[in-house]
Structures are given as C-alpha cells and as structure tokens.
Amino acid sequence: ARQRVLAAVAAGRHCDVVVRYGAATERAPRQILEAQSKFCAAALAHDADIALPRCVSSVEPLLRELVAYLATRDAREREALLDACYDAPAPCEDEPAPVTIARLADAALLEDLREAALRRLTGCVDAGCAASLLGVARDLGDDRLR
C-alpha cells in the first residue's frame, strides 16, 4: 500500500489538494492526507488546500519529501525527509533545516516527526550551535537540547 501511495503522489494521480509551504506547492491526495494527519484533516475542513505553518526558515526545497511523509506517515519517508535536511544547503540567514522541521512538526501536531528531528539534533550539538539550540529547546519545551 505504501508504494502505491508514493507512486500515486509522484505521478500526480488522485492528487486533488495543494499543500503549500511559503511559495512552494505540491499536490497530494486529499483522502489520504485527511486520514493520516489530524492537522491536515482540520485544515481541509476549513479550506480547499493545506497551508503548512510557516516557521522561522524555509524548507521549501524539502516539500516533496514532506508530502511523501504526510501521505504515508511511514518511518522510511520520515527518515528520508530528515536525511534530506542534512543534505540541503543551509541558507546563510536561516536556521538549519532540521530545526525548522522540528518546529513545523510541533506546529502541525506530527509528534513522531518532531521526536525524530529532536533526536537527530541532540546527536549533533557542539560548541558552535549550542546557544541557538538552547533557544529551540525553550521554544519546543524539550530538555534534551539543554
């Protein structure tokens, strides 16, 4: 079933909803997103499209991976999204993509993604990023980053 969902999303079949993050958009199947995410179901109850909460920095290049995760809620897509965060070039004025994914997951009630992103962040704390991660810990109420 997972492969069929991913193939449908990649081919644009049955994709009747637009998911937006900033200026980036991806099409996705409404019924699947409603079933997989309380946030998506609530958003679609009020609007024809889904506007993801815009956080501090831009993860627009990662929207395709994020939609694949939303459509499957599978650990493989979650890990692919997080891997892509570390592969993406870091914008000079923004926070790192993994931090934004953690903030976005928190705002969109995607607890498993939030936890996985925070787990990855705790594994890469060093002197250069400790101060900024203290702010993330405060914002997301997570003591692992302190």
Protein backbone atom coordinates (compact mmCIF):
# COMPACT_ATOMS: atom_id res chain seq x y z
CA ALA A 1 0.00 0.00 0.00
CA ARG A 2 2.83 2.40 0.86
CA GLN A 3 4.44 2.01 -2.56
CA ARG A 4 1.11 2.61 -4.31
CA VAL A 5 0.55 5.80 -2.32
CA LEU A 6 4.06 7.04 -3.10
CA ALA A 7 3.66 6.18 -6.80
CA ALA A 8 0.31 7.98 -6.95
CA VAL A 9 1.75 11.09 -5.30
CA ALA A 10 4.84 11.06 -7.55
CA ALA A 11 2.69 10.68 -10.67
CA GLY A 12 0.08 13.20 -9.52
CA ARG A 13 -2.73 10.63 -9.62
CA HIS A 14 -5.69 11.36 -7.36
CA CYS A 15 -3.87 14.48 -6.14
CA ASP A 16 -6.72 16.89 -5.56
CA VAL A 17 -5.22 19.06 -2.81
CA VAL A 18 -2.41 21.57 -2.89
CA VAL A 19 -0.02 21.57 0.07
CA ARG A 20 1.73 24.92 0.50
CA TYR A 21 4.80 25.96 2.41
CA GLY A 22 5.75 29.51 1.59
CA ALA A 23 5.94 29.79 -2.18
CA ALA A 24 6.40 26.04 -2.71
CA THR A 25 3.46 23.80 -3.57
CA GLU A 26 2.95 20.07 -4.03
CA ARG A 27 -0.19 18.19 -4.98
CA ALA A 28 -1.41 15.33 -2.80
CA PRO A 29 -4.46 13.06 -2.36
CA ARG A 30 -6.99 14.67 -0.03
CA GLN A 31 -8.44 11.48 1.44
CA ILE A 32 -5.04 10.10 2.32
CA LEU A 33 -3.85 13.31 3.99
CA GLU A 34 -7.10 13.58 5.95
CA ALA A 35 -6.70 10.01 7.18
CA GLN A 36 -3.00 10.33 8.02
CA SER A 37 -2.92 13.67 9.82
CA LYS A 38 -5.26 15.41 12.26
CA PHE A 39 -3.66 18.70 11.24
CA CYS A 40 -4.40 18.08 7.54
CA ALA A 41 -7.96 16.95 8.32
CA ALA A 42 -8.58 20.12 10.34
CA ALA A 43 -7.04 22.32 7.64
CA LEU A 44 -9.16 20.69 4.91
CA ALA A 45 -12.31 21.12 6.97
CA HIS A 46 -11.88 24.90 6.53
CA ASP A 47 -10.05 25.29 3.22
CA ALA A 48 -9.60 23.53 -0.11
CA ASP A 49 -5.82 23.44 0.31
CA ILE A 50 -3.36 22.89 3.15
CA ALA A 51 -1.12 25.75 4.21
CA LEU A 52 1.60 24.34 6.43
CA PRO A 53 2.61 26.55 9.33
CA ARG A 54 5.45 28.76 8.18
CA CYS A 55 8.23 28.62 10.71
CA VAL A 56 11.48 30.50 11.04
CA SER A 57 13.27 29.33 7.92
CA SER A 58 12.41 27.93 4.54
CA VAL A 59 12.14 24.21 3.90
CA GLU A 60 10.57 24.81 0.50
CA PRO A 61 13.10 22.54 -1.28
CA LEU A 62 12.05 19.70 1.05
CA LEU A 63 8.30 19.98 0.47
CA ARG A 64 8.18 16.93 -1.84
CA GLU A 65 9.77 14.76 0.89
CA LEU A 66 7.46 16.27 3.49
CA VAL A 67 4.35 15.48 1.42
CA ALA A 68 5.59 11.90 0.91
CA TYR A 69 5.91 11.59 4.68
CA LEU A 70 2.46 13.11 5.27
CA ALA A 71 0.90 10.71 2.76
CA THR A 72 2.44 7.58 4.29
CA ARG A 73 3.38 8.55 7.87
CA ASP A 74 5.97 5.82 7.44
CA ALA A 75 9.32 5.84 9.22
CA ARG A 76 11.14 5.38 5.90
CA GLU A 77 9.73 8.64 4.49
CA ARG A 78 10.31 10.39 7.82
CA GLU A 79 13.97 9.36 7.80
CA ALA A 80 14.33 10.29 4.10
CA LEU A 81 12.97 13.76 4.94
CA LEU A 82 15.39 14.15 7.82
CA ASP A 83 18.29 12.87 5.69
CA ALA A 84 17.36 15.46 3.04
CA CYS A 85 17.51 18.17 5.73
CA TYR A 86 21.16 17.44 6.32
CA ASP A 87 21.89 17.21 2.60
CA ALA A 88 20.18 20.53 1.80
CA PRO A 89 22.42 23.59 1.57
CA ALA A 90 21.98 25.75 4.65
CA PRO A 91 20.70 29.25 3.88
CA CYS A 92 23.06 31.76 5.42
CA GLU A 93 20.40 33.80 7.22
CA ASP A 94 18.11 30.96 8.29
CA GLU A 95 18.27 28.28 10.93
CA PRO A 96 19.23 24.76 9.81
CA ALA A 97 16.50 22.77 8.05
CA PRO A 98 16.34 20.07 10.79
CA VAL A 99 15.42 22.75 13.34
CA THR A 100 12.69 24.08 11.06
CA ILE A 101 11.35 20.57 10.51
CA ALA A 102 11.17 20.11 14.30
CA ARG A 103 9.29 23.43 14.64
CA LEU A 104 6.96 22.59 11.73
CA ALA A 105 6.27 19.12 13.16
CA ASP A 106 5.47 20.68 16.53
CA ALA A 107 3.05 23.19 14.99
CA ALA A 108 1.40 20.57 12.74
CA LEU A 109 0.96 18.03 15.55
CA LEU A 110 3.28 15.50 13.92
CA GLU A 111 4.71 14.11 17.15
CA ASP A 112 6.72 11.27 15.61
CA LEU A 113 8.45 13.65 13.18
CA ARG A 114 9.08 16.16 15.98
CA GLU A 115 10.65 13.48 18.16
CA ALA A 116 12.81 12.09 15.33
CA ALA A 117 14.03 15.58 14.39
CA LEU A 118 14.87 16.43 18.00
CA ARG A 119 16.62 13.08 18.46
CA ARG A 120 18.82 13.86 15.45
CA LEU A 121 19.53 17.38 16.71
CA THR A 122 20.68 16.11 20.12
CA GLY A 123 23.23 13.94 18.34
CA CYS A 124 24.95 16.89 16.68
CA VAL A 125 25.19 19.52 19.42
CA ASP A 126 28.60 21.19 19.52
CA ALA A 127 30.00 24.46 20.79
CA GLY A 128 29.14 26.24 17.55
CA CYS A 129 25.41 25.54 17.72
CA ALA A 130 24.78 25.07 21.45
CA ALA A 131 23.46 28.61 22.03
CA SER A 132 20.96 28.51 19.18
CA LEU A 133 19.77 25.04 20.18
CA LEU A 134 19.05 26.34 23.69
CA GLY A 135 16.52 28.66 22.08
CA VAL A 136 14.99 25.76 20.16
CA ALA A 137 14.79 23.75 23.40
CA ARG A 138 12.99 26.66 25.04
CA ASP A 139 10.60 27.14 22.11
CA LEU A 140 9.69 23.46 21.81
CA GLY A 141 9.78 22.69 25.54
CA ASP A 142 12.35 19.91 25.12
CA ASP A 143 15.08 19.43 27.73
CA ARG A 144 17.20 17.11 25.58
CA LEU A 145 18.73 20.12 23.80
CA ARG A 146 19.70 21.93 27.02
